[in-house]
């Protein structure tokens, strides 16, 4: 049985986009819901951490160097 490789892409000024993740565990060891595509917060403003809820737009998050 062939499996698709997990891929991680960085969205410009946005979340990490994870594809083909079949298992995701948080820092407490709890299993989290997975889908074919998962957007993970990297701005710290999401109210649905570790998932992105679009808060980076309102927070003005940028991935550029300051």
PDB file of N, CA and C in Angstrom:
ATOM      1  N   UNK A   1       0.836  -1.183   0.000  1.00  0.00           N
ATOM      2  CA  UNK A   1       0.000   0.000   0.000  1.00  0.00           C
ATOM      3  C   UNK A   1       0.881   1.246   0.000  1.00  0.00           C
ATOM      4  N   UNK A   2       0.726   2.071  -1.005  1.00  0.00           N
ATOM      5  CA  UNK A   2       1.514   3.301  -1.103  1.00  0.00           C
ATOM      6  C   UNK A   2       0.889   4.391  -0.247  1.00  0.00           C
ATOM      7  N   UNK A   3       1.725   5.161   0.412  1.00  0.00           N
ATOM      8  CA  UNK A   3       1.220   6.277   1.211  1.00  0.00           C
ATOM      9  C   UNK A   3       1.786   7.576   0.658  1.00  0.00           C
ATOM     10  N   UNK A   4       0.991   8.600   0.748  1.00  0.00           N
ATOM     11  CA  UNK A   4       1.446   9.921   0.320  1.00  0.00           C
ATOM     12  C   UNK A   4       2.343  10.505   1.393  1.00  0.00           C
ATOM     13  N   UNK A   5       3.379  11.190   0.968  1.00  0.00           N
ATOM     14  CA  UNK A   5       4.288  11.828   1.910  1.00  0.00           C
ATOM     15  C   UNK A   5       3.642  13.061   2.507  1.00  0.00           C
ATOM     16  N   UNK A   6       3.949  13.315   3.758  1.00  0.00           N
ATOM     17  CA  UNK A   6       3.489  14.536   4.414  1.00  0.00           C
ATOM     18  C   UNK A   6       4.275  15.707   3.828  1.00  0.00           C
ATOM     19  N   UNK A   7       3.573  16.783   3.524  1.00  0.00           N
ATOM     20  CA  UNK A   7       4.273  17.980   3.052  1.00  0.00           C
ATOM     21  C   UNK A   7       3.900  19.161   3.943  1.00  0.00           C
ATOM     22  N   UNK A   8       4.858  20.069   4.098  1.00  0.00           N
ATOM     23  CA  UNK A   8       4.668  21.276   4.891  1.00  0.00           C
ATOM     24  C   UNK A   8       5.034  22.460   4.004  1.00  0.00           C
ATOM     25  N   UNK A   9       4.095  23.385   3.858  1.00  0.00           N
ATOM     26  CA  UNK A   9       4.345  24.597   3.086  1.00  0.00           C
ATOM     27  C   UNK A   9       4.093  25.801   3.983  1.00  0.00           C
ATOM     28  N   UNK A  10       4.866  26.825   3.798  1.00  0.00           N
ATOM     29  CA  UNK A  10       4.723  28.054   4.580  1.00  0.00           C
ATOM     30  C   UNK A  10       3.954  29.059   3.738  1.00  0.00           C
ATOM     31  N   UNK A  11       2.800  29.499   4.237  1.00  0.00           N
ATOM     32  CA  UNK A  11       2.018  30.524   3.550  1.00  0.00           C
ATOM     33  C   UNK A  11       2.640  31.888   3.808  1.00  0.00           C
ATOM     34  N   UNK A  12       2.705  32.715   2.794  1.00  0.00           N
ATOM     35  CA  UNK A  12       3.230  34.069   2.947  1.00  0.00           C
ATOM     36  C   UNK A  12       2.381  34.814   3.958  1.00  0.00           C
ATOM     37  N   UNK A  13       2.987  35.259   5.054  1.00  0.00           N
ATOM     38  CA  UNK A  13       2.307  35.993   6.120  1.00  0.00           C
ATOM     39  C   UNK A  13       1.116  35.233   6.697  1.00  0.00           C
ATOM     40  N   UNK A  14       1.196  33.895   6.680  1.00  0.00           N
ATOM     41  CA  UNK A  14       0.086  33.084   7.175  1.00  0.00           C
ATOM     42  C   UNK A  14       0.548  31.786   7.802  1.00  0.00           C
ATOM     43  N   UNK A  15      -0.338  30.792   7.838  1.00  0.00           N
ATOM     44  CA  UNK A  15      -0.073  29.544   8.552  1.00  0.00           C
ATOM     45  C   UNK A  15       0.837  28.577   7.804  1.00  0.00           C
ATOM     46  N   UNK A  16       1.250  27.540   8.532  1.00  0.00           N
ATOM     47  CA  UNK A  16       1.873  26.381   7.898  1.00  0.00           C
ATOM     48  C   UNK A  16       0.738  25.538   7.335  1.00  0.00           C
ATOM     49  N   UNK A  17       0.870  25.076   6.102  1.00  0.00           N
ATOM     50  CA  UNK A  17      -0.129  24.207   5.495  1.00  0.00           C
ATOM     51  C   UNK A  17       0.453  22.801   5.443  1.00  0.00           C
ATOM     52  N   UNK A  18      -0.194  21.884   6.136  1.00  0.00           N
ATOM     53  CA  UNK A  18       0.260  20.503   6.228  1.00  0.00           C
ATOM     54  C   UNK A  18      -0.670  19.646   5.372  1.00  0.00           C
ATOM     55  N   UNK A  19      -0.099  18.808   4.527  1.00  0.00           N
ATOM     56  CA  UNK A  19      -0.900  17.925   3.682  1.00  0.00           C
ATOM     57  C   UNK A  19      -0.534  16.477   3.980  1.00  0.00           C
ATOM     58  N   UNK A  20      -1.543  15.617   3.993  1.00  0.00           N
ATOM     59  CA  UNK A  20      -1.397  14.168   4.188  1.00  0.00           C
ATOM     60  C   UNK A  20      -0.929  13.777   5.585  1.00  0.00           C
ATOM     61  N   UNK A  21      -1.258  14.565   6.586  1.00  0.00           N
ATOM     62  CA  UNK A  21      -0.926  14.244   7.973  1.00  0.00           C
ATOM     63  C   UNK A  21      -2.025  13.322   8.511  1.00  0.00           C
ATOM     64  N   UNK A  22      -1.659  12.155   8.971  1.00  0.00           N
ATOM     65  CA  UNK A  22      -2.660  11.205   9.459  1.00  0.00           C
ATOM     66  C   UNK A  22      -2.712  11.123  10.975  1.00  0.00           C
ATOM     67  N   UNK A  23      -1.751  11.740  11.658  1.00  0.00           N
ATOM     68  CA  UNK A  23      -1.731  11.725  13.115  1.00  0.00           C
ATOM     69  C   UNK A  23      -1.137  13.031  13.614  1.00  0.00           C
ATOM     70  N   UNK A  24      -1.837  13.657  14.560  1.00  0.00           N
ATOM     71  CA  UNK A  24      -1.376  14.922  15.121  1.00  0.00           C
ATOM     72  C   UNK A  24      -1.658  14.901  16.617  1.00  0.00           C
ATOM     73  N   UNK A  25      -0.625  15.136  17.421  1.00  0.00           N
ATOM     74  CA  UNK A  25      -0.733  15.082  18.871  1.00  0.00           C
ATOM     75  C   UNK A  25      -0.251  16.402  19.448  1.00  0.00           C
ATOM     76  N   UNK A  26      -0.997  16.954  20.422  1.00  0.00           N
ATOM     77  CA  UNK A  26      -0.582  18.216  21.028  1.00  0.00           C
ATOM     78  C   UNK A  26       0.414  17.976  22.159  1.00  0.00           C
ATOM     79  N   UNK A  27       0.826  19.046  22.818  1.00  0.00           N
ATOM     80  CA  UNK A  27       1.847  18.944  23.866  1.00  0.00           C
ATOM     81  C   UNK A  27       1.362  18.187  25.097  1.00  0.00           C
ATOM     82  N   UNK A  28       0.057  17.995  25.217  1.00  0.00           N
ATOM     83  CA  UNK A  28      -0.511  17.228  26.333  1.00  0.00           C
ATOM     84  C   UNK A  28      -0.678  15.752  25.993  1.00  0.00           C
ATOM     85  N   UNK A  29      -0.277  15.378  24.767  1.00  0.00           N
ATOM     86  CA  UNK A  29      -0.401  13.996  24.333  1.00  0.00           C
ATOM     87  C   UNK A  29      -1.780  13.646  23.792  1.00  0.00           C
ATOM     88  N   UNK A  30      -2.612  14.657  23.591  1.00  0.00           N
ATOM     89  CA  UNK A  30      -3.963  14.434  23.087  1.00  0.00           C
ATOM     90  C   UNK A  30      -3.964  14.357  21.562  1.00  0.00           C
ATOM     91  N   UNK A  31      -4.672  13.392  21.029  1.00  0.00           N
ATOM     92  CA  UNK A  31      -4.813  13.224  19.581  1.00  0.00           C
ATOM     93  C   UNK A  31      -5.733  14.325  19.054  1.00  0.00           C
ATOM     94  N   UNK A  32      -5.309  15.017  17.987  1.00  0.00           N
ATOM     95  CA  UNK A  32      -6.094  16.080  17.384  1.00  0.00           C
ATOM     96  C   UNK A  32      -6.666  15.615  16.054  1.00  0.00           C
ATOM     97  N   UNK A  33      -7.747  16.247  15.642  1.00  0.00           N
ATOM     98  CA  UNK A  33      -8.393  15.915  14.380  1.00  0.00           C
ATOM     99  C   UNK A  33      -7.458  16.221  13.208  1.00  0.00           C
ATOM    100  N   UNK A  34      -7.437  15.328  12.235  1.00  0.00           N
ATOM    101  CA  UNK A  34      -6.646  15.566  11.030  1.00  0.00           C
ATOM    102  C   UNK A  34      -7.556  15.535   9.813  1.00  0.00           C
ATOM    103  N   UNK A  35      -7.129  16.229   8.793  1.00  0.00           N
ATOM    104  CA  UNK A  35      -7.817  16.278   7.503  1.00  0.00           C
ATOM    105  C   UNK A  35      -6.742  16.201   6.434  1.00  0.00           C
ATOM    106  N   UNK A  36      -7.145  16.159   5.164  1.00  0.00           N
ATOM    107  CA  UNK A  36      -6.158  16.109   4.088  1.00  0.00           C
ATOM    108  C   UNK A  36      -5.236  17.330   4.136  1.00  0.00           C
ATOM    109  N   UNK A  37      -5.807  18.502   4.415  1.00  0.00           N
ATOM    110  CA  UNK A  37      -5.033  19.738   4.568  1.00  0.00           C
ATOM    111  C   UNK A  37      -5.306  20.313   5.950  1.00  0.00           C
ATOM    112  N   UNK A  38      -4.252  20.736   6.647  1.00  0.00           N
ATOM    113  CA  UNK A  38      -4.375  21.338   7.969  1.00  0.00           C
ATOM    114  C   UNK A  38      -3.588  22.650   7.951  1.00  0.00           C
ATOM    115  N   UNK A  39      -4.191  23.716   8.464  1.00  0.00           N
ATOM    116  CA  UNK A  39      -3.502  24.994   8.581  1.00  0.00           C
ATOM    117  C   UNK A  39      -3.134  25.195  10.050  1.00  0.00           C
ATOM    118  N   UNK A  40      -1.840  25.266  10.331  1.00  0.00           N
ATOM    119  CA  UNK A  40      -1.361  25.448  11.702  1.00  0.00           C
ATOM    120  C   UNK A  40      -0.917  26.888  11.918  1.00  0.00           C
ATOM    121  N   UNK A  41      -1.392  27.471  13.027  1.00  0.00           N
ATOM    122  CA  UNK A  41      -1.086  28.858  13.377  1.00  0.00           C
ATOM    123  C   UNK A  41       0.409  29.034  13.612  1.00  0.00           C
ATOM    124  N   UNK A  42       0.936  30.135  13.126  1.00  0.00           N
ATOM    125  CA  UNK A  42       2.303  30.499  13.486  1.00  0.00           C
ATOM    126  C   UNK A  42       2.411  31.941  13.948  1.00  0.00           C
ATOM    127  N   UNK A  43       1.256  32.634  14.050  1.00  0.00           N
ATOM    128  CA  UNK A  43       1.277  34.020  14.535  1.00  0.00           C
ATOM    129  C   UNK A  43       1.020  34.100  16.035  1.00  0.00           C
ATOM    130  N   UNK A  44       0.415  33.063  16.608  1.00  0.00           N
ATOM    131  CA  UNK A  44       0.121  33.046  18.033  1.00  0.00           C
ATOM    132  C   UNK A  44      -1.201  33.683  18.414  1.00  0.00           C
ATOM    133  N   UNK A  45      -1.949  34.227  17.453  1.00  0.00           N
ATOM    134  CA  UNK A  45      -3.193  34.931  17.766  1.00  0.00           C
ATOM    135  C   UNK A  45      -4.455  34.084  17.592  1.00  0.00           C
ATOM    136  N   UNK A  46      -4.329  32.881  17.061  1.00  0.00           N
ATOM    137  CA  UNK A  46      -5.498  32.036  16.823  1.00  0.00           C
ATOM    138  C   UNK A  46      -6.197  31.684  18.129  1.00  0.00           C
ATOM    139  N   UNK A  47      -7.512  31.673  18.104  1.00  0.00           N
ATOM    140  CA  UNK A  47      -8.293  31.232  19.263  1.00  0.00           C
ATOM    141  C   UNK A  47      -8.568  29.733  19.169  1.00  0.00           C
ATOM    142  N   UNK A  48      -8.051  29.089  18.128  1.00  0.00           N
ATOM    143  CA  UNK A  48      -8.265  27.662  17.906  1.00  0.00           C
ATOM    144  C   UNK A  48      -6.927  26.941  17.766  1.00  0.00           C
ATOM    145  N   UNK A  49      -5.937  27.349  18.566  1.00  0.00           N
ATOM    146  CA  UNK A  49      -4.598  26.768  18.483  1.00  0.00           C
ATOM    147  C   UNK A  49      -4.656  25.265  18.691  1.00  0.00           C
ATOM    148  N   UNK A  50      -3.879  24.516  17.973  1.00  0.00           N
ATOM    149  CA  UNK A  50      -2.780  24.917  17.100  1.00  0.00           C
ATOM    150  C   UNK A  50      -3.220  25.269  15.679  1.00  0.00           C
ATOM    151  N   UNK A  51      -4.533  25.248  15.437  1.00  0.00           N
ATOM    152  CA  UNK A  51      -5.033  25.490  14.094  1.00  0.00           C
ATOM    153  C   UNK A  51      -5.187  26.978  13.815  1.00  0.00           C
ATOM    154  N   UNK A  52      -5.019  27.347  12.566  1.00  0.00           N
ATOM    155  CA  UNK A  52      -5.183  28.733  12.133  1.00  0.00           C
ATOM    156  C   UNK A  52      -6.673  29.053  12.023  1.00  0.00           C
ATOM    157  N   UNK A  53      -7.074  30.216  12.517  1.00  0.00           N
ATOM    158  CA  UNK A  53      -8.455  30.676  12.364  1.00  0.00           C
ATOM    159  C   UNK A  53      -8.521  31.991  11.582  1.00  0.00           C
ATOM    160  N   UNK A  54      -7.419  32.372  10.968  1.00  0.00           N
ATOM    161  CA  UNK A  54      -7.366  33.600  10.183  1.00  0.00           C
ATOM    162  C   UNK A  54      -6.988  34.834  10.984  1.00  0.00           C
ATOM    163  N   UNK A  55      -6.713  34.678  12.274  1.00  0.00           N
ATOM    164  CA  UNK A  55      -6.401  35.818  13.148  1.00  0.00           C
ATOM    165  C   UNK A  55      -5.143  36.560  12.712  1.00  0.00           C
ATOM    166  N   UNK A  56      -4.266  35.924  11.950  1.00  0.00           N
ATOM    167  CA  UNK A  56      -3.028  36.575  11.513  1.00  0.00           C
ATOM    168  C   UNK A  56      -3.312  37.824  10.684  1.00  0.00           C
ATOM    169  N   UNK A  57      -4.423  37.822   9.978  1.00  0.00           N
ATOM    170  CA  UNK A  57      -4.775  38.986   9.150  1.00  0.00           C
ATOM    171  C   UNK A  57      -5.078  40.200  10.034  1.00  0.00           C
ATOM    172  N   UNK A  58      -5.919  39.993  11.049  1.00  0.00           N
ATOM    173  CA  UNK A  58      -6.282  41.088  11.948  1.00  0.00           C
ATOM    174  C   UNK A  58      -5.097  41.514  12.808  1.00  0.00           C
ATOM    175  N   UNK A  59      -4.245  40.548  13.163  1.00  0.00           N
ATOM    176  CA  UNK A  59      -3.089  40.834  14.019  1.00  0.00           C
ATOM    177  C   UNK A  59      -1.960  41.514  13.253  1.00  0.00           C
ATOM    178  N   UNK A  60      -2.056  41.513  11.928  1.00  0.00           N
ATOM    179  CA  UNK A  60      -1.006  42.133  11.124  1.00  0.00           C
ATOM    180  C   UNK A  60       0.261  41.305  11.068  1.00  0.00           C
ATOM    181  N   UNK A  61       0.130  39.988  11.236  1.00  0.00           N
ATOM    182  CA  UNK A  61       1.301  39.110  11.221  1.00  0.00           C
ATOM    183  C   UNK A  61       2.017  39.187   9.886  1.00  0.00           C
ATOM    184  N   UNK A  62       3.340  39.239   9.969  1.00  0.00           N
ATOM    185  CA  UNK A  62       4.178  39.193   8.778  1.00  0.00           C
ATOM    186  C   UNK A  62       5.334  38.251   9.047  1.00  0.00           C
ATOM    187  N   UNK A  63       5.723  37.525   8.018  1.00  0.00           N
ATOM    188  CA  UNK A  63       6.843  36.596   8.202  1.00  0.00           C
ATOM    189  C   UNK A  63       8.177  37.224   7.792  1.00  0.00           C
ATOM    190  N   UNK A  64       8.148  38.511   7.483  1.00  0.00           N
ATOM    191  CA  UNK A  64       9.376  39.218   7.131  1.00  0.00           C
ATOM    192  C   UNK A  64      10.203  39.519   8.366  1.00  0.00           C
ATOM    193  N   UNK A  65      11.482  39.719   8.161  1.00  0.00           N
ATOM    194  CA  UNK A  65      12.365  40.078   9.262  1.00  0.00           C
ATOM    195  C   UNK A  65      12.135  41.528   9.642  1.00  0.00           C
ATOM    196  N   UNK A  66      12.150  41.792  10.933  1.00  0.00           N
ATOM    197  CA  UNK A  66      11.955  43.170  11.412  1.00  0.00           C
ATOM    198  C   UNK A  66      13.272  43.840  11.670  1.00  0.00           C
TER     199      UNK A  66
END
